């Protein structure tokens, strides 16, 4: 089997490339095949950390049955659901407005999520969401249509060049106009806890907040993340004494969780998408 490296895998480590194209082979067997010369780059033995170059020939001297791509079957209702949720699309990216209660990926009792749905929608395994939000969180998520864009956007997110902002409805009336929460978050079993100082396994987490509107018993905030930790806004606001309305894990149960990712800006693509404040936030403010 021979593969000529194209832009989708340019500068990708050999072992990571092989984990995709030899997914049915154990990782230890892949490393053994590299060491023994059963996998060669341009006719020569290589190392697992070699970064593939455009036009490289990857020859795999193993008995492999190429994995056939299988996609879930989408109903007409599901197809309409995807089309209606797309707020922006070009040849590189899709910006999708996810509803609360919808999962991003399969697992935890769900046979598929919107990631698997979009792979079927576009009939390609290369589609990936480069950011993800919780099942109960609603709002904008960024989908990359191929692996090259996935890597490109992953680097932009890592370097802090993709901005995301949220609308948040919290319990209680916050008097200050703006504030910052800086703390350490650590996952313990099925929850994330906030720590005031570092301990092994904890990650520094920074969020910025601005009051948009106050009601008699609740407040609408704009939130922006400097770091993107699991459940970051949910945990920090709960510890701050103002849990998100409807947060069943870190607050009190309501008909929905009022956390909405309303803005994303990809500076490299000069792309900025912004959604209006959902009317449900105002209806449930008092």
C-alpha atoms as a PDB file:
ATOM      1  CA  UNK A   1       0.000   0.000   0.000  1.00  0.00           C
ATOM      2  CA  UNK A   2       1.389   3.419  -0.970  1.00  0.00           C
ATOM      3  CA  UNK A   3       0.212   6.886  -0.008  1.00  0.00           C
ATOM      4  CA  UNK A   4       1.523  10.136  -1.509  1.00  0.00           C
ATOM      5  CA  UNK A   5       1.355  12.900   1.082  1.00  0.00           C
ATOM      6  CA  UNK A   6      -0.933  15.797   0.171  1.00  0.00           C
ATOM      7  CA  UNK A   7      -1.659  19.053   2.002  1.00  0.00           C
ATOM      8  CA  UNK A   8      -4.009  17.306   4.429  1.00  0.00           C
ATOM      9  CA  UNK A   9      -1.078  15.505   6.073  1.00  0.00           C
ATOM     10  CA  UNK A  10       1.814  17.863   5.379  1.00  0.00           C
ATOM     11  CA  UNK A  11       3.928  18.340   8.535  1.00  0.00           C
ATOM     12  CA  UNK A  12       1.984  15.625  10.433  1.00  0.00           C
ATOM     13  CA  UNK A  13       4.030  13.121  12.446  1.00  0.00           C
ATOM     14  CA  UNK A  14       4.355   9.699  10.819  1.00  0.00           C
ATOM     15  CA  UNK A  15       2.910   7.845  13.827  1.00  0.00           C
ATOM     16  CA  UNK A  16      -0.182  10.091  13.901  1.00  0.00           C
ATOM     17  CA  UNK A  17      -0.736   9.586  10.186  1.00  0.00           C
ATOM     18  CA  UNK A  18      -0.473   5.820  10.613  1.00  0.00           C
ATOM     19  CA  UNK A  19      -2.923   5.772  13.528  1.00  0.00           C
ATOM     20  CA  UNK A  20      -5.550   7.057  11.107  1.00  0.00           C
ATOM     21  CA  UNK A  21      -4.729   4.884   8.104  1.00  0.00           C
ATOM     22  CA  UNK A  22      -3.901   1.743  10.072  1.00  0.00           C
ATOM     23  CA  UNK A  23      -6.569   2.151  12.725  1.00  0.00           C
ATOM     24  CA  UNK A  24      -7.194  -1.600  12.862  1.00  0.00           C
ATOM     25  CA  UNK A  25      -3.551  -2.247  13.838  1.00  0.00           C
ATOM     26  CA  UNK A  26      -2.432  -1.897  17.475  1.00  0.00           C
ATOM     27  CA  UNK A  27      -0.161   1.083  18.147  1.00  0.00           C
ATOM     28  CA  UNK A  28       2.625  -1.207  19.381  1.00  0.00           C
ATOM     29  CA  UNK A  29       2.502  -3.066  16.042  1.00  0.00           C
ATOM     30  CA  UNK A  30       2.687   0.229  14.148  1.00  0.00           C
ATOM     31  CA  UNK A  31       5.842   1.239  16.056  1.00  0.00           C
ATOM     32  CA  UNK A  32       7.329  -2.214  15.455  1.00  0.00           C
ATOM     33  CA  UNK A  33       6.622  -1.944  11.712  1.00  0.00           C
ATOM     34  CA  UNK A  34       8.363   1.448  11.609  1.00  0.00           C
ATOM     35  CA  UNK A  35      11.439   0.074  13.442  1.00  0.00           C
ATOM     36  CA  UNK A  36      11.700  -3.032  11.259  1.00  0.00           C
ATOM     37  CA  UNK A  37      11.317  -1.177   7.962  1.00  0.00           C
ATOM     38  CA  UNK A  38       7.873  -2.508   7.075  1.00  0.00           C
ATOM     39  CA  UNK A  39       6.829   1.133   6.778  1.00  0.00           C
ATOM     40  CA  UNK A  40       9.126   3.319   4.687  1.00  0.00           C
ATOM     41  CA  UNK A  41       9.264   6.971   3.653  1.00  0.00           C
ATOM     42  CA  UNK A  42      10.561   7.510   0.110  1.00  0.00           C
ATOM     43  CA  UNK A  43      11.979   3.987   0.153  1.00  0.00           C
ATOM     44  CA  UNK A  44      13.879   4.433   3.429  1.00  0.00           C
ATOM     45  CA  UNK A  45      13.355   3.548   7.070  1.00  0.00           C
ATOM     46  CA  UNK A  46      12.179   6.431   9.219  1.00  0.00           C
ATOM     47  CA  UNK A  47      11.303   7.291  12.804  1.00  0.00           C
ATOM     48  CA  UNK A  48       7.848   7.639  14.297  1.00  0.00           C
ATOM     49  CA  UNK A  49       8.338  11.381  14.936  1.00  0.00           C
ATOM     50  CA  UNK A  50       9.274  12.157  11.324  1.00  0.00           C
ATOM     51  CA  UNK A  51       7.070  14.956   9.968  1.00  0.00           C
ATOM     52  CA  UNK A  52       5.644  14.170   6.553  1.00  0.00           C
ATOM     53  CA  UNK A  53       6.498  16.481   3.689  1.00  0.00           C
ATOM     54  CA  UNK A  54       4.374  17.296   0.661  1.00  0.00           C
ATOM     55  CA  UNK A  55       4.872  14.589  -1.976  1.00  0.00           C
ATOM     56  CA  UNK A  56       6.467  12.028   0.353  1.00  0.00           C
ATOM     57  CA  UNK A  57       5.817   8.388  -0.526  1.00  0.00           C
ATOM     58  CA  UNK A  58       4.617   6.331   2.448  1.00  0.00           C
ATOM     59  CA  UNK A  59       4.813   2.604   1.709  1.00  0.00           C
ATOM     60  CA  UNK A  60       3.222   0.172   4.130  1.00  0.00           C
ATOM     61  CA  UNK A  61       4.330  -3.460   3.754  1.00  0.00           C
ATOM     62  CA  UNK A  62       1.627  -4.951   5.946  1.00  0.00           C
ATOM     63  CA  UNK A  63      -1.447  -7.005   5.152  1.00  0.00           C
ATOM     64  CA  UNK A  64      -4.115  -4.337   5.602  1.00  0.00           C
ATOM     65  CA  UNK A  65      -7.729  -4.275   4.642  1.00  0.00           C
ATOM     66  CA  UNK A  66      -8.439  -0.594   3.997  1.00  0.00           C
ATOM     67  CA  UNK A  67     -11.136   0.674   6.285  1.00  0.00           C
ATOM     68  CA  UNK A  68     -14.284   1.500   4.403  1.00  0.00           C
ATOM     69  CA  UNK A  69     -15.872   4.755   5.486  1.00  0.00           C
ATOM     70  CA  UNK A  70     -19.341   4.268   6.878  1.00  0.00           C
ATOM     71  CA  UNK A  71     -21.684   7.132   7.561  1.00  0.00           C
ATOM     72  CA  UNK A  72     -24.867   7.238   9.585  1.00  0.00           C
ATOM     73  CA  UNK A  73     -28.093   7.537   7.624  1.00  0.00           C
ATOM     74  CA  UNK A  74     -29.720  10.921   8.130  1.00  0.00           C
ATOM     75  CA  UNK A  75     -33.462  11.382   7.966  1.00  0.00           C
ATOM     76  CA  UNK A  76     -34.925  14.306   6.031  1.00  0.00           C
ATOM     77  CA  UNK A  77     -35.764  15.893   9.395  1.00  0.00           C
ATOM     78  CA  UNK A  78     -32.132  15.616  10.516  1.00  0.00           C
ATOM     79  CA  UNK A  79     -30.914  17.056   7.202  1.00  0.00           C
ATOM     80  CA  UNK A  80     -33.232  20.032   7.676  1.00  0.00           C
ATOM     81  CA  UNK A  81     -32.024  20.400  11.273  1.00  0.00           C
ATOM     82  CA  UNK A  82     -28.412  20.734  10.076  1.00  0.00           C
ATOM     83  CA  UNK A  83     -29.267  23.162   7.276  1.00  0.00           C
ATOM     84  CA  UNK A  84     -31.329  25.363   9.580  1.00  0.00           C
ATOM     85  CA  UNK A  85     -28.537  25.514  12.164  1.00  0.00           C
ATOM     86  CA  UNK A  86     -25.809  26.632   9.750  1.00  0.00           C
ATOM     87  CA  UNK A  87     -25.254  30.377  10.205  1.00  0.00           C
ATOM     88  CA  UNK A  88     -22.140  30.588   7.988  1.00  0.00           C
ATOM     89  CA  UNK A  89     -20.395  28.349   5.484  1.00  0.00           C
ATOM     90  CA  UNK A  90     -17.551  28.609   2.988  1.00  0.00           C
ATOM     91  CA  UNK A  91     -15.081  26.164   1.414  1.00  0.00           C
ATOM     92  CA  UNK A  92     -13.131  25.854   4.680  1.00  0.00           C
ATOM     93  CA  UNK A  93     -15.474  26.171   7.652  1.00  0.00           C
ATOM     94  CA  UNK A  94     -19.027  25.794   8.896  1.00  0.00           C
ATOM     95  CA  UNK A  95     -20.379  27.801  11.831  1.00  0.00           C
ATOM     96  CA  UNK A  96     -23.283  25.917  13.421  1.00  0.00           C
ATOM     97  CA  UNK A  97     -25.696  27.191  16.072  1.00  0.00           C
ATOM     98  CA  UNK A  98     -26.095  24.190  18.388  1.00  0.00           C
ATOM     99  CA  UNK A  99     -29.216  23.855  20.492  1.00  0.00           C
ATOM    100  CA  UNK A 100     -29.115  23.014  24.204  1.00  0.00           C
ATOM    101  CA  UNK A 101     -29.457  19.271  24.845  1.00  0.00           C
ATOM    102  CA  UNK A 102     -27.652  18.232  21.645  1.00  0.00           C
ATOM    103  CA  UNK A 103     -24.358  16.350  21.998  1.00  0.00           C
ATOM    104  CA  UNK A 104     -21.283  17.163  19.942  1.00  0.00           C
ATOM    105  CA  UNK A 105     -19.995  13.590  19.593  1.00  0.00           C
ATOM    106  CA  UNK A 106     -21.157  10.019  20.099  1.00  0.00           C
ATOM    107  CA  UNK A 107     -20.600   8.312  23.452  1.00  0.00           C
ATOM    108  CA  UNK A 108     -22.036   8.376  26.985  1.00  0.00           C
ATOM    109  CA  UNK A 109     -25.219   6.691  25.816  1.00  0.00           C
ATOM    110  CA  UNK A 110     -25.540   8.602  22.529  1.00  0.00           C
ATOM    111  CA  UNK A 111     -25.136   6.708  19.250  1.00  0.00           C
ATOM    112  CA  UNK A 112     -24.084   9.861  17.393  1.00  0.00           C
ATOM    113  CA  UNK A 113     -23.778  13.610  17.777  1.00  0.00           C
ATOM    114  CA  UNK A 114     -23.672  16.561  15.398  1.00  0.00           C
ATOM    115  CA  UNK A 115     -20.075  15.694  14.467  1.00  0.00           C
ATOM    116  CA  UNK A 116     -21.138  12.308  13.060  1.00  0.00           C
ATOM    117  CA  UNK A 117     -24.178  13.955  11.461  1.00  0.00           C
ATOM    118  CA  UNK A 118     -22.022  16.465   9.591  1.00  0.00           C
ATOM    119  CA  UNK A 119     -19.600  13.750   8.466  1.00  0.00           C
ATOM    120  CA  UNK A 120     -22.600  12.078   6.851  1.00  0.00           C
ATOM    121  CA  UNK A 121     -23.987  15.393   5.567  1.00  0.00           C
ATOM    122  CA  UNK A 122     -20.742  16.131   3.684  1.00  0.00           C
ATOM    123  CA  UNK A 123     -19.836  12.461   3.133  1.00  0.00           C
ATOM    124  CA  UNK A 124     -16.314  12.858   4.484  1.00  0.00           C
ATOM    125  CA  UNK A 125     -14.482  11.575   7.545  1.00  0.00           C
ATOM    126  CA  UNK A 126     -12.266  14.676   7.423  1.00  0.00           C
ATOM    127  CA  UNK A 127     -14.933  16.939   8.911  1.00  0.00           C
ATOM    128  CA  UNK A 128     -14.173  17.925  12.513  1.00  0.00           C
ATOM    129  CA  UNK A 129     -15.392  20.440  15.067  1.00  0.00           C
ATOM    130  CA  UNK A 130     -12.380  22.389  16.320  1.00  0.00           C
ATOM    131  CA  UNK A 131     -14.140  23.624  19.456  1.00  0.00           C
ATOM    132  CA  UNK A 132     -16.764  21.904  21.528  1.00  0.00           C
ATOM    133  CA  UNK A 133     -19.364  22.948  24.076  1.00  0.00           C
ATOM    134  CA  UNK A 134     -21.276  20.948  26.677  1.00  0.00           C
ATOM    135  CA  UNK A 135     -24.503  19.150  25.854  1.00  0.00           C
ATOM    136  CA  UNK A 136     -26.509  21.667  27.867  1.00  0.00           C
ATOM    137  CA  UNK A 137     -24.673  24.698  26.423  1.00  0.00           C
ATOM    138  CA  UNK A 138     -26.096  26.249  23.255  1.00  0.00           C
ATOM    139  CA  UNK A 139     -24.475  28.381  20.592  1.00  0.00           C
ATOM    140  CA  UNK A 140     -21.825  28.651  17.926  1.00  0.00           C
ATOM    141  CA  UNK A 141     -19.375  25.852  17.179  1.00  0.00           C
ATOM    142  CA  UNK A 142     -16.742  25.845  14.427  1.00  0.00           C
ATOM    143  CA  UNK A 143     -16.529  22.942  11.980  1.00  0.00           C
ATOM    144  CA  UNK A 144     -13.536  22.379   9.679  1.00  0.00           C
ATOM    145  CA  UNK A 145     -14.236  20.704   6.342  1.00  0.00           C
ATOM    146  CA  UNK A 146     -10.849  19.025   5.947  1.00  0.00           C
ATOM    147  CA  UNK A 147      -7.843  17.984   8.001  1.00  0.00           C
ATOM    148  CA  UNK A 148      -5.628  20.841   6.837  1.00  0.00           C
ATOM    149  CA  UNK A 149      -8.159  23.412   8.105  1.00  0.00           C
ATOM    150  CA  UNK A 150      -8.604  21.381  11.312  1.00  0.00           C
ATOM    151  CA  UNK A 151      -4.889  21.636  12.084  1.00  0.00           C
ATOM    152  CA  UNK A 152      -4.769  25.284  11.048  1.00  0.00           C
ATOM    153  CA  UNK A 153      -7.651  26.259  13.348  1.00  0.00           C
ATOM    154  CA  UNK A 154      -6.382  24.089  16.210  1.00  0.00           C
ATOM    155  CA  UNK A 155      -3.154  26.109  16.094  1.00  0.00           C
ATOM    156  CA  UNK A 156      -5.089  29.386  15.992  1.00  0.00           C
ATOM    157  CA  UNK A 157      -7.131  28.356  19.041  1.00  0.00           C
ATOM    158  CA  UNK A 158      -4.000  27.251  20.898  1.00  0.00           C
ATOM    159  CA  UNK A 159      -2.312  30.597  20.119  1.00  0.00           C
ATOM    160  CA  UNK A 160      -5.356  32.570  21.319  1.00  0.00           C
ATOM    161  CA  UNK A 161      -6.331  33.865  17.892  1.00  0.00           C
ATOM    162  CA  UNK A 162      -9.940  32.649  17.980  1.00  0.00           C
ATOM    163  CA  UNK A 163     -12.247  34.708  20.193  1.00  0.00           C
ATOM    164  CA  UNK A 164     -15.459  33.337  21.730  1.00  0.00           C
ATOM    165  CA  UNK A 165     -18.001  35.138  23.874  1.00  0.00           C
ATOM    166  CA  UNK A 166     -21.058  33.913  25.769  1.00  0.00           C
ATOM    167  CA  UNK A 167     -24.357  35.227  27.053  1.00  0.00           C
ATOM    168  CA  UNK A 168     -24.978  33.938  30.585  1.00  0.00           C
ATOM    169  CA  UNK A 169     -28.052  34.250  32.800  1.00  0.00           C
ATOM    170  CA  UNK A 170     -27.090  33.784  36.455  1.00  0.00           C
ATOM    171  CA  UNK A 171     -28.920  33.642  39.732  1.00  0.00           C
ATOM    172  CA  UNK A 172     -28.727  36.787  41.887  1.00  0.00           C
ATOM    173  CA  UNK A 173     -28.108  40.453  41.143  1.00  0.00           C
ATOM    174  CA  UNK A 174     -24.450  41.333  40.530  1.00  0.00           C
ATOM    175  CA  UNK A 175     -23.691  44.937  41.494  1.00  0.00           C
ATOM    176  CA  UNK A 176     -20.259  45.394  39.907  1.00  0.00           C
ATOM    177  CA  UNK A 177     -20.171  46.301  36.202  1.00  0.00           C
ATOM    178  CA  UNK A 178     -17.308  43.973  35.263  1.00  0.00           C
ATOM    179  CA  UNK A 179     -15.090  41.434  36.994  1.00  0.00           C
ATOM    180  CA  UNK A 180     -12.520  38.710  36.435  1.00  0.00           C
ATOM    181  CA  UNK A 181     -12.337  35.216  37.921  1.00  0.00           C
ATOM    182  CA  UNK A 182      -8.923  33.577  38.062  1.00  0.00           C
ATOM    183  CA  UNK A 183      -8.665  30.205  39.731  1.00  0.00           C
ATOM    184  CA  UNK A 184      -7.523  26.606  39.266  1.00  0.00           C
ATOM    185  CA  UNK A 185      -9.885  23.915  38.019  1.00  0.00           C
ATOM    186  CA  UNK A 186      -9.431  20.208  38.611  1.00  0.00           C
ATOM    187  CA  UNK A 187     -11.541  17.256  37.505  1.00  0.00           C
ATOM    188  CA  UNK A 188     -12.495  14.916  40.336  1.00  0.00           C
ATOM    189  CA  UNK A 189     -14.541  11.906  39.172  1.00  0.00           C
ATOM    190  CA  UNK A 190     -17.508  13.269  37.187  1.00  0.00           C
ATOM    191  CA  UNK A 191     -17.221  16.885  38.381  1.00  0.00           C
ATOM    192  CA  UNK A 192     -14.846  19.816  38.073  1.00  0.00           C
ATOM    193  CA  UNK A 193     -13.939  21.700  41.261  1.00  0.00           C
ATOM    194  CA  UNK A 194     -12.462  25.166  41.720  1.00  0.00           C
ATOM    195  CA  UNK A 195      -9.289  25.670  43.739  1.00  0.00           C
ATOM    196  CA  UNK A 196      -7.859  28.989  44.891  1.00  0.00           C
ATOM    197  CA  UNK A 197      -4.284  27.771  44.567  1.00  0.00           C
ATOM    198  CA  UNK A 198      -2.435  25.228  42.423  1.00  0.00           C
ATOM    199  CA  UNK A 199      -2.216  21.553  43.231  1.00  0.00           C
ATOM    200  CA  UNK A 200      -1.169  18.641  40.988  1.00  0.00           C
ATOM    201  CA  UNK A 201      -3.697  18.026  38.232  1.00  0.00           C
ATOM    202  CA  UNK A 202      -5.214  21.507  38.409  1.00  0.00           C
ATOM    203  CA  UNK A 203      -5.152  23.999  35.524  1.00  0.00           C
ATOM    204  CA  UNK A 204      -5.142  27.776  35.728  1.00  0.00           C
ATOM    205  CA  UNK A 205      -8.428  29.191  34.427  1.00  0.00           C
ATOM    206  CA  UNK A 206      -9.201  32.834  33.632  1.00  0.00           C
ATOM    207  CA  UNK A 207     -12.588  34.314  32.657  1.00  0.00           C
ATOM    208  CA  UNK A 208     -13.806  37.880  32.134  1.00  0.00           C
ATOM    209  CA  UNK A 209     -17.368  39.074  32.763  1.00  0.00           C
ATOM    210  CA  UNK A 210     -19.422  42.183  32.029  1.00  0.00           C
ATOM    211  CA  UNK A 211     -22.953  42.907  33.255  1.00  0.00           C
ATOM    212  CA  UNK A 212     -25.389  43.463  30.380  1.00  0.00           C
ATOM    213  CA  UNK A 213     -28.716  43.635  32.193  1.00  0.00           C
ATOM    214  CA  UNK A 214     -30.045  43.247  35.734  1.00  0.00           C
ATOM    215  CA  UNK A 215     -33.432  41.952  36.793  1.00  0.00           C
ATOM    216  CA  UNK A 216     -35.037  41.711  40.216  1.00  0.00           C
ATOM    217  CA  UNK A 217     -33.383  38.390  41.015  1.00  0.00           C
ATOM    218  CA  UNK A 218     -31.105  37.517  38.089  1.00  0.00           C
ATOM    219  CA  UNK A 219     -28.347  39.051  35.934  1.00  0.00           C
ATOM    220  CA  UNK A 220     -27.404  38.671  32.255  1.00  0.00           C
ATOM    221  CA  UNK A 221     -23.635  38.606  31.731  1.00  0.00           C
ATOM    222  CA  UNK A 222     -21.291  38.620  28.794  1.00  0.00           C
ATOM    223  CA  UNK A 223     -18.454  36.152  29.388  1.00  0.00           C
ATOM    224  CA  UNK A 224     -15.142  35.740  27.595  1.00  0.00           C
ATOM    225  CA  UNK A 225     -12.635  32.966  28.198  1.00  0.00           C
ATOM    226  CA  UNK A 226      -8.895  33.464  28.304  1.00  0.00           C
ATOM    227  CA  UNK A 227      -8.525  29.719  28.858  1.00  0.00           C
ATOM    228  CA  UNK A 228     -10.910  27.011  27.742  1.00  0.00           C
ATOM    229  CA  UNK A 229     -11.229  24.427  30.496  1.00  0.00           C
ATOM    230  CA  UNK A 230     -14.003  21.869  30.891  1.00  0.00           C
ATOM    231  CA  UNK A 231     -17.067  23.470  32.557  1.00  0.00           C
ATOM    232  CA  UNK A 232     -14.998  26.597  33.222  1.00  0.00           C
ATOM    233  CA  UNK A 233     -17.800  29.185  33.281  1.00  0.00           C
ATOM    234  CA  UNK A 234     -20.201  26.841  35.037  1.00  0.00           C
ATOM    235  CA  UNK A 235     -17.821  26.027  37.894  1.00  0.00           C
ATOM    236  CA  UNK A 236     -16.394  29.512  38.375  1.00  0.00           C
ATOM    237  CA  UNK A 237     -19.782  31.245  38.466  1.00  0.00           C
ATOM    238  CA  UNK A 238     -21.186  28.637  40.850  1.00  0.00           C
ATOM    239  CA  UNK A 239     -18.233  29.105  43.219  1.00  0.00           C
ATOM    240  CA  UNK A 240     -18.668  32.876  42.867  1.00  0.00           C
ATOM    241  CA  UNK A 241     -22.156  32.486  44.322  1.00  0.00           C
ATOM    242  CA  UNK A 242     -24.039  33.161  41.095  1.00  0.00           C
ATOM    243  CA  UNK A 243     -24.654  29.790  39.367  1.00  0.00           C
ATOM    244  CA  UNK A 244     -25.945  29.696  35.814  1.00  0.00           C
ATOM    245  CA  UNK A 245     -29.725  29.378  35.681  1.00  0.00           C
ATOM    246  CA  UNK A 246     -30.638  25.780  34.843  1.00  0.00           C
ATOM    247  CA  UNK A 247     -27.212  24.281  35.541  1.00  0.00           C
ATOM    248  CA  UNK A 248     -28.222  20.886  36.939  1.00  0.00           C
ATOM    249  CA  UNK A 249     -24.641  19.926  37.875  1.00  0.00           C
ATOM    250  CA  UNK A 250     -23.386  23.098  39.553  1.00  0.00           C
ATOM    251  CA  UNK A 251     -26.632  24.961  40.284  1.00  0.00           C
ATOM    252  CA  UNK A 252     -30.388  24.339  40.368  1.00  0.00           C
ATOM    253  CA  UNK A 253     -32.485  22.554  37.776  1.00  0.00           C
ATOM    254  CA  UNK A 254     -34.580  24.668  35.374  1.00  0.00           C
ATOM    255  CA  UNK A 255     -36.217  24.092  31.986  1.00  0.00           C
ATOM    256  CA  UNK A 256     -32.898  24.812  30.248  1.00  0.00           C
ATOM    257  CA  UNK A 257     -29.367  25.993  31.013  1.00  0.00           C
ATOM    258  CA  UNK A 258     -28.944  29.640  30.063  1.00  0.00           C
ATOM    259  CA  UNK A 259     -25.422  29.608  28.612  1.00  0.00           C
ATOM    260  CA  UNK A 260     -25.167  30.628  24.959  1.00  0.00           C
ATOM    261  CA  UNK A 261     -22.014  30.946  22.841  1.00  0.00           C
ATOM    262  CA  UNK A 262     -23.035  33.942  20.746  1.00  0.00           C
ATOM    263  CA  UNK A 263     -19.798  35.159  19.119  1.00  0.00           C
ATOM    264  CA  UNK A 264     -16.834  33.586  17.394  1.00  0.00           C
ATOM    265  CA  UNK A 265     -14.096  35.440  15.558  1.00  0.00           C
ATOM    266  CA  UNK A 266     -11.402  33.714  13.496  1.00  0.00           C
ATOM    267  CA  UNK A 267      -8.848  36.447  12.931  1.00  0.00           C
ATOM    268  CA  UNK A 268      -6.811  34.512  10.398  1.00  0.00           C
ATOM    269  CA  UNK A 269      -9.859  34.220   8.115  1.00  0.00           C
ATOM    270  CA  UNK A 270     -11.156  37.723   8.925  1.00  0.00           C
ATOM    271  CA  UNK A 271     -14.392  36.014   9.952  1.00  0.00           C
ATOM    272  CA  UNK A 272     -16.649  37.238  12.758  1.00  0.00           C
ATOM    273  CA  UNK A 273     -20.072  35.758  13.490  1.00  0.00           C
ATOM    274  CA  UNK A 274     -22.320  37.259  16.163  1.00  0.00           C
ATOM    275  CA  UNK A 275     -25.810  36.205  17.240  1.00  0.00           C
ATOM    276  CA  UNK A 276     -28.420  38.255  19.096  1.00  0.00           C
ATOM    277  CA  UNK A 277     -29.340  37.714  22.735  1.00  0.00           C
ATOM    278  CA  UNK A 278     -31.981  34.931  22.795  1.00  0.00           C
ATOM    279  CA  UNK A 279     -35.379  36.247  23.889  1.00  0.00           C
ATOM    280  CA  UNK A 280     -35.609  33.472  26.502  1.00  0.00           C
ATOM    281  CA  UNK A 281     -32.882  35.227  28.495  1.00  0.00           C
ATOM    282  CA  UNK A 282     -35.025  38.353  28.849  1.00  0.00           C
ATOM    283  CA  UNK A 283     -38.199  36.380  29.547  1.00  0.00           C
ATOM    284  CA  UNK A 284     -36.478  34.563  32.436  1.00  0.00           C
ATOM    285  CA  UNK A 285     -34.532  37.539  33.799  1.00  0.00           C
ATOM    286  CA  UNK A 286     -37.034  38.343  36.592  1.00  0.00           C
END
